[in-house]
Amino acid sequence: MSIFDLFSKRQKKIRGEVSDVLTYDNIPEKLKVQILQIIREAIGIVKKTEVFDYGYTDYAQHYYHFIHNVLCKEYGEFSLGKRHENNQESIFNFFLTAEDTEKILDVVEVSFEVIGQDIKNNYHLYLDHTNVAITPDEAISELNQRFKENAIGYQFIGGEIIRVDSTYAHSEITKPTIALLQDKNFAGANEEYLKAHEHYRHGRNKECLAECLKAFESTLKIICKEKGWAFSQNDTSSKLIQTCFDNDLIPSFSQSQFASLRSLLESGIPTIRNRLGGHGQGQVPQKVDDEITRYAINLTGANIIFLIEQSRV
């Protein structure tokens, strides 16, 4: 089902009642209901019956069973709800009553991982047995639009929930970076970049900086390997950058104008990580604030985009 631009929505925009400030700690009841409606439309209801190993006779209940079991096992619980509830009811009631934002997002992430991977990868077979109202891609698109519409700073990308601090940085840096890293050759860098976002979402800023540097260095190594340029797996980012410049990753006639870029690449992510997240902190614990962490994530993404695009010229 598509998103309707209702009269009431338009009037709120006209009156300036729609906030551009993103929030992270409170998922409103309205959005919870909208998300459950998307999940229900994407997982669907039984059309043909077939007995599964778990004893369920339809595909939809099979996936609700899977989501329920994943969450229960991770939380160390036997059930999310009351014994008489089926898996769908348990998941939905848990989601609606949960006050912990991270657990709310756990349900979203696991559910949409099932929708975006399991159901999508077997979609034609799934449609033979199940009536659905929307496709997996439509479900994910609507989820992200609902987050944005409710000014909630999260998006579901690359199979994970990531935190969004700037809609501009998200659309111009984060999404293009993840899209480029979807190339199987960059699987390691992609995993590290997504881990950086995961650490940031949970407030683990030092760990985030460490993963940013790993993603940056992995990208450099992959480019060097693809190009056949000599390097060592133990090379630091500075050496890897030197190798890329020595081999004209940036055209020689343009290198003078990229002198400042080179300085930025050499002193940007590695320096931030080394000074704030990579070495012993001494007697007084170092605090890495959210602002510098956001800068590191965005700088990492911008550098990765630039390097990959230059490697393909």
Protein backbone atom coordinates (compact mmCIF):
# COMPACT_ATOMS: atom_id res chain seq x y z
CA MET A 1 0.00 0.00 0.00
CA SER A 2 1.43 3.38 -0.99
CA ILE A 3 1.85 6.32 1.37
CA PHE A 4 -0.91 8.91 1.02
CA ASP A 5 -0.23 12.61 1.37
CA LEU A 6 -3.34 13.26 3.44
CA PHE A 7 -4.97 16.68 3.84
CA SER A 8 -3.97 16.74 7.53
CA LYS A 9 -0.32 16.09 6.62
CA ARG A 10 -0.29 18.89 4.07
CA GLN A 11 -1.83 21.32 6.54
CA LYS A 12 0.77 20.49 9.19
CA LYS A 13 3.52 21.21 6.67
CA ILE A 14 1.91 24.53 5.73
CA ARG A 15 1.63 25.52 9.40
CA GLY A 16 5.27 24.55 10.02
CA GLU A 17 4.35 21.79 12.46
CA VAL A 18 6.53 19.17 10.76
CA SER A 19 9.87 18.96 12.54
CA ASP A 20 13.16 18.59 10.66
CA VAL A 21 14.97 17.77 13.91
CA LEU A 22 15.58 14.04 14.16
CA THR A 23 14.97 12.20 17.43
CA TYR A 24 16.34 8.85 18.56
CA ASP A 25 15.11 7.93 22.02
CA ASN A 26 11.36 7.78 21.61
CA ILE A 27 9.48 5.78 18.99
CA PRO A 28 5.92 7.21 18.94
CA GLU A 29 2.88 4.95 19.18
CA LYS A 30 1.71 6.07 15.75
CA LEU A 31 4.95 4.92 14.12
CA LYS A 32 4.86 1.60 15.98
CA VAL A 33 1.42 0.88 14.55
CA GLN A 34 2.52 1.91 11.05
CA ILE A 35 5.55 -0.39 11.24
CA LEU A 36 3.44 -3.36 12.34
CA GLN A 37 1.04 -2.70 9.47
CA ILE A 38 3.97 -2.80 7.03
CA ILE A 39 5.25 -6.06 8.53
CA ARG A 40 1.79 -7.62 8.33
CA GLU A 41 1.34 -6.52 4.70
CA ALA A 42 4.79 -7.82 3.68
CA ILE A 43 4.66 -11.18 5.49
CA GLY A 44 1.03 -11.65 4.48
CA ILE A 45 -1.49 -14.39 5.24
CA VAL A 46 -1.84 -18.01 4.17
CA LYS A 47 -3.10 -18.86 0.68
CA LYS A 48 -1.98 -22.48 0.41
CA THR A 49 -1.17 -24.74 3.31
CA GLU A 50 1.98 -26.78 3.66
CA VAL A 51 3.35 -28.48 6.77
CA PHE A 52 6.74 -27.20 7.94
CA ASP A 53 9.25 -28.90 10.20
CA TYR A 54 8.02 -26.64 12.98
CA GLY A 55 4.48 -27.90 12.52
CA TYR A 56 3.13 -24.72 10.97
CA THR A 57 0.93 -24.99 7.93
CA ASP A 58 1.70 -21.68 6.26
CA TYR A 59 4.71 -19.64 5.29
CA ALA A 60 3.67 -16.50 7.17
CA GLN A 61 3.46 -18.26 10.53
CA HIS A 62 6.79 -19.95 9.79
CA TYR A 63 8.47 -16.55 9.56
CA TYR A 64 6.71 -15.17 12.63
CA HIS A 65 7.94 -18.27 14.48
CA PHE A 66 11.49 -17.57 13.26
CA ILE A 67 11.41 -13.87 14.30
CA HIS A 68 9.96 -14.79 17.71
CA ASN A 69 12.61 -17.45 18.33
CA VAL A 70 15.51 -15.21 17.34
CA LEU A 71 14.39 -12.48 19.75
CA CYS A 72 13.64 -14.93 22.59
CA LYS A 73 17.01 -16.63 22.28
CA GLU A 74 18.93 -13.35 22.23
CA TYR A 75 17.00 -12.00 25.22
CA GLY A 76 17.24 -15.27 27.15
CA GLU A 77 13.46 -15.70 27.32
CA PHE A 78 11.14 -18.59 26.49
CA SER A 79 8.45 -16.29 25.15
CA LEU A 80 7.92 -12.61 24.39
CA GLY A 81 4.37 -12.71 25.66
CA LYS A 82 1.65 -14.80 27.24
CA ARG A 83 1.48 -18.54 26.60
CA HIS A 84 -1.88 -18.47 24.83
CA GLU A 85 -0.63 -15.96 22.24
CA ASN A 86 0.60 -17.12 18.87
CA ASN A 87 3.97 -15.90 17.62
CA GLN A 88 2.57 -12.98 15.65
CA GLU A 89 0.55 -11.75 18.63
CA SER A 90 3.55 -12.11 20.94
CA ILE A 91 5.80 -10.12 18.62
CA PHE A 92 3.25 -7.39 18.00
CA ASN A 93 2.24 -7.01 21.67
CA PHE A 94 5.88 -6.97 22.77
CA PHE A 95 6.63 -4.32 20.16
CA LEU A 96 3.69 -2.11 21.14
CA THR A 97 4.40 -2.26 24.88
CA ALA A 98 8.21 -2.12 24.82
CA GLU A 99 9.70 1.09 26.21
CA ASP A 100 13.35 0.32 25.43
CA THR A 101 14.06 1.97 22.06
CA GLU A 102 16.85 -0.48 21.26
CA LYS A 103 14.56 -3.48 21.76
CA ILE A 104 11.92 -1.81 19.57
CA LEU A 105 14.55 -1.43 16.87
CA ASP A 106 15.63 -5.07 17.41
CA VAL A 107 12.15 -6.18 16.35
CA VAL A 108 12.26 -3.89 13.32
CA GLU A 109 15.70 -5.09 12.27
CA VAL A 110 15.01 -8.82 12.61
CA SER A 111 11.59 -8.54 10.93
CA PHE A 112 12.87 -6.55 7.97
CA GLU A 113 15.93 -8.75 7.63
CA VAL A 114 13.48 -11.64 7.14
CA ILE A 115 11.40 -9.58 4.70
CA GLY A 116 14.39 -8.20 2.79
CA GLN A 117 16.35 -11.45 2.60
CA ASP A 118 14.39 -14.68 3.19
CA ILE A 119 11.10 -13.60 1.65
CA LYS A 120 12.66 -11.56 -1.14
CA ASN A 121 15.06 -14.34 -2.16
CA ASN A 122 12.18 -16.84 -2.40
CA TYR A 123 9.51 -14.40 -3.48
CA HIS A 124 7.90 -16.30 -6.36
CA LEU A 125 7.60 -19.45 -4.26
CA TYR A 126 6.32 -17.36 -1.35
CA LEU A 127 3.57 -15.85 -3.51
CA ASP A 128 2.38 -19.34 -4.44
CA HIS A 129 1.45 -19.93 -0.82
CA THR A 130 0.83 -16.47 0.65
CA ASN A 131 -1.25 -13.39 -0.04
CA VAL A 132 0.82 -10.25 0.46
CA ALA A 133 -0.11 -6.59 0.00
CA ILE A 134 3.37 -5.20 -0.71
CA THR A 135 6.71 -6.47 -2.00
CA PRO A 136 9.82 -6.66 0.22
CA ASP A 137 11.36 -3.64 -1.53
CA GLU A 138 8.15 -1.65 -1.08
CA ALA A 139 8.06 -2.62 2.61
CA ILE A 140 11.62 -1.41 3.23
CA SER A 141 11.04 1.77 1.25
CA GLU A 142 7.89 2.54 3.24
CA LEU A 143 9.60 1.78 6.55
CA ASN A 144 12.35 4.29 5.78
CA GLN A 145 9.80 6.84 4.62
CA ARG A 146 7.80 6.38 7.84
CA PHE A 147 10.94 6.89 9.92
CA LYS A 148 11.63 10.10 8.01
CA GLU A 149 8.00 11.26 8.15
CA ASN A 150 7.98 10.86 11.94
CA ALA A 151 11.38 12.61 12.30
CA ILE A 152 12.96 9.46 13.76
CA GLY A 153 16.67 9.29 12.97
CA TYR A 154 17.00 5.70 11.80
CA GLN A 155 16.96 3.93 8.43
CA PHE A 156 17.06 0.26 7.41
CA ILE A 157 19.91 -0.13 4.92
CA GLY A 158 22.05 -3.08 3.93
CA GLY A 159 20.09 -5.38 6.22
CA GLU A 160 20.68 -3.27 9.34
CA ILE A 161 19.22 -0.34 11.24
CA ILE A 162 21.63 2.60 11.08
CA ARG A 163 21.44 5.97 12.79
CA VAL A 164 20.90 9.07 10.64
CA ASP A 165 22.08 12.41 12.01
CA SER A 166 21.80 14.46 8.84
CA THR A 167 19.41 13.70 6.01
CA TYR A 168 21.86 15.37 3.61
CA ALA A 169 24.87 13.35 4.80
CA HIS A 170 22.72 10.22 4.77
CA SER A 171 21.54 10.66 1.18
CA GLU A 172 24.81 12.02 -0.22
CA ILE A 173 27.37 9.97 1.73
CA THR A 174 26.06 7.01 3.73
CA LYS A 175 23.70 5.48 1.14
CA PRO A 176 26.13 5.87 -1.81
CA THR A 177 28.96 4.41 0.31
CA ILE A 178 26.95 1.32 1.26
CA ALA A 179 25.78 0.97 -2.36
CA LEU A 180 29.37 0.99 -3.63
CA LEU A 181 30.50 -1.44 -0.95
CA GLN A 182 27.76 -3.91 -1.92
CA ASP A 183 30.23 -5.10 -4.59
CA LYS A 184 31.34 -8.54 -3.35
CA ASN A 185 34.98 -7.50 -3.71
CA PHE A 186 34.42 -4.93 -0.98
CA ALA A 187 32.59 -7.28 1.40
CA GLY A 188 35.14 -6.81 4.18
CA ALA A 189 35.07 -3.02 3.98
CA ASN A 190 31.27 -3.09 3.85
CA GLU A 191 31.08 -5.19 7.00
CA GLU A 192 33.43 -2.81 8.82
CA TYR A 193 31.57 0.31 7.68
CA LEU A 194 28.24 -1.16 8.82
CA LYS A 195 29.84 -2.13 12.14
CA ALA A 196 30.96 1.48 12.57
CA HIS A 197 27.34 2.59 12.20
CA GLU A 198 26.19 -0.11 14.60
CA HIS A 199 28.71 0.99 17.25
CA TYR A 200 27.67 4.61 16.76
CA ARG A 201 23.99 3.77 17.16
CA HIS A 202 24.76 2.13 20.51
CA GLY A 203 27.00 4.97 21.70
CA ARG A 204 30.24 2.97 21.39
CA ASN A 205 32.14 5.85 19.82
CA LYS A 206 35.69 4.57 20.27
CA GLU A 207 34.77 1.26 18.67
CA CYS A 208 33.10 3.22 15.87
CA LEU A 209 36.33 5.09 15.11
CA ALA A 210 38.26 1.83 15.04
CA GLU A 211 35.85 0.32 12.48
CA CYS A 212 35.98 3.52 10.39
CA LEU A 213 39.73 3.15 10.03
CA LYS A 214 39.41 -0.55 9.23
CA ALA A 215 36.86 0.18 6.48
CA PHE A 216 39.07 2.93 5.06
CA GLU A 217 42.19 0.77 5.04
CA SER A 218 40.32 -2.25 3.66
CA THR A 219 39.07 -0.13 0.76
CA LEU A 220 42.62 1.02 -0.01
CA LYS A 221 43.94 -2.57 0.09
CA ILE A 222 41.16 -3.86 -2.14
CA ILE A 223 41.82 -1.14 -4.72
CA CYS A 224 45.57 -1.91 -4.63
CA LYS A 225 44.87 -5.63 -5.07
CA GLU A 226 42.44 -5.04 -7.95
CA LYS A 227 44.99 -2.83 -9.68
CA GLY A 228 47.88 -5.22 -9.06
CA TRP A 229 49.85 -2.63 -7.07
CA ALA A 230 52.44 -3.96 -4.62
CA PHE A 231 51.50 -3.57 -0.96
CA SER A 232 51.68 -5.45 2.32
CA GLN A 233 48.71 -6.51 4.41
CA ASN A 234 50.47 -4.80 7.31
CA ASP A 235 50.78 -1.45 5.53
CA THR A 236 49.36 1.52 7.39
CA SER A 237 46.84 3.85 5.79
CA SER A 238 49.62 6.36 5.11
CA LYS A 239 51.62 3.79 3.10
CA LEU A 240 48.49 2.63 1.26
CA ILE A 241 47.61 6.21 0.33
CA GLN A 242 51.18 6.73 -0.92
CA THR A 243 50.84 3.62 -3.10
CA CYS A 244 47.59 4.92 -4.60
CA PHE A 245 49.18 8.29 -5.41
CA ASP A 246 52.38 6.72 -6.75
CA ASN A 247 50.26 4.69 -9.17
CA ASP A 248 48.28 7.72 -10.37
CA LEU A 249 44.96 6.82 -8.80
CA ILE A 250 44.64 10.58 -9.08
CA PRO A 251 45.76 11.62 -12.62
CA SER A 252 49.23 13.19 -12.51
CA PHE A 253 48.06 16.40 -14.21
CA SER A 254 45.52 16.86 -11.43
CA GLN A 255 47.61 15.88 -8.43
CA SER A 256 48.63 19.41 -7.55
CA GLN A 257 45.03 20.41 -6.99
CA PHE A 258 44.55 17.29 -4.84
CA ALA A 259 47.46 18.11 -2.52
CA SER A 260 45.02 19.23 0.12
CA LEU A 261 42.98 16.06 -0.40
CA ARG A 262 46.06 13.93 0.15
CA SER A 263 46.75 15.76 3.39
CA LEU A 264 43.14 15.21 4.41
CA LEU A 265 43.27 11.50 3.59
CA GLU A 266 46.51 11.02 5.51
CA SER A 267 45.52 13.02 8.58
CA GLY A 268 41.75 12.52 8.61
CA ILE A 269 40.42 9.13 9.66
CA PRO A 270 43.75 7.61 10.85
CA THR A 271 44.55 10.61 13.07
CA ILE A 272 41.07 10.81 14.57
CA ARG A 273 41.10 7.11 15.34
CA ASN A 274 44.66 7.00 16.66
CA ARG A 275 44.27 9.99 18.95
CA LEU A 276 40.83 9.20 20.27
CA GLY A 277 40.13 5.51 19.82
CA GLY A 278 43.24 3.54 19.01
CA HIS A 279 45.81 3.88 21.79
CA GLY A 280 46.01 3.69 25.56
CA GLN A 281 44.08 6.54 27.14
CA GLY A 282 46.29 6.99 30.20
CA GLN A 283 45.12 7.87 33.67
CA VAL A 284 42.11 9.94 32.60
CA PRO A 285 39.61 8.10 30.34
CA GLN A 286 39.14 9.84 27.00
CA LYS A 287 35.63 10.69 25.94
CA VAL A 288 34.86 10.61 22.24
CA ASP A 289 31.84 12.82 21.69
CA ASP A 290 29.09 12.24 19.13
CA GLU A 291 30.12 15.22 16.99
CA ILE A 292 33.63 13.93 16.24
CA THR A 293 32.24 10.43 15.71
CA ARG A 294 29.69 11.69 13.16
CA TYR A 295 32.47 13.57 11.42
CA ALA A 296 34.57 10.40 11.28
CA ILE A 297 31.74 8.32 9.78
CA ASN A 298 30.96 10.96 7.17
CA LEU A 299 34.64 11.50 6.36
CA THR A 300 35.13 7.76 5.99
CA GLY A 301 32.16 7.49 3.64
CA ALA A 302 33.21 10.47 1.52
CA ASN A 303 36.77 9.12 1.19
CA ILE A 304 35.57 5.63 0.27
CA ILE A 305 33.23 7.00 -2.41
CA PHE A 306 36.02 9.12 -3.87
CA LEU A 307 38.61 6.32 -3.89
CA ILE A 308 36.29 3.69 -5.42
CA GLU A 309 35.00 6.06 -8.09
CA GLN A 310 38.57 7.09 -8.99
CA SER A 311 39.61 3.43 -9.20
CA ARG A 312 36.91 2.84 -11.82
CA VAL A 313 37.69 5.80 -14.07
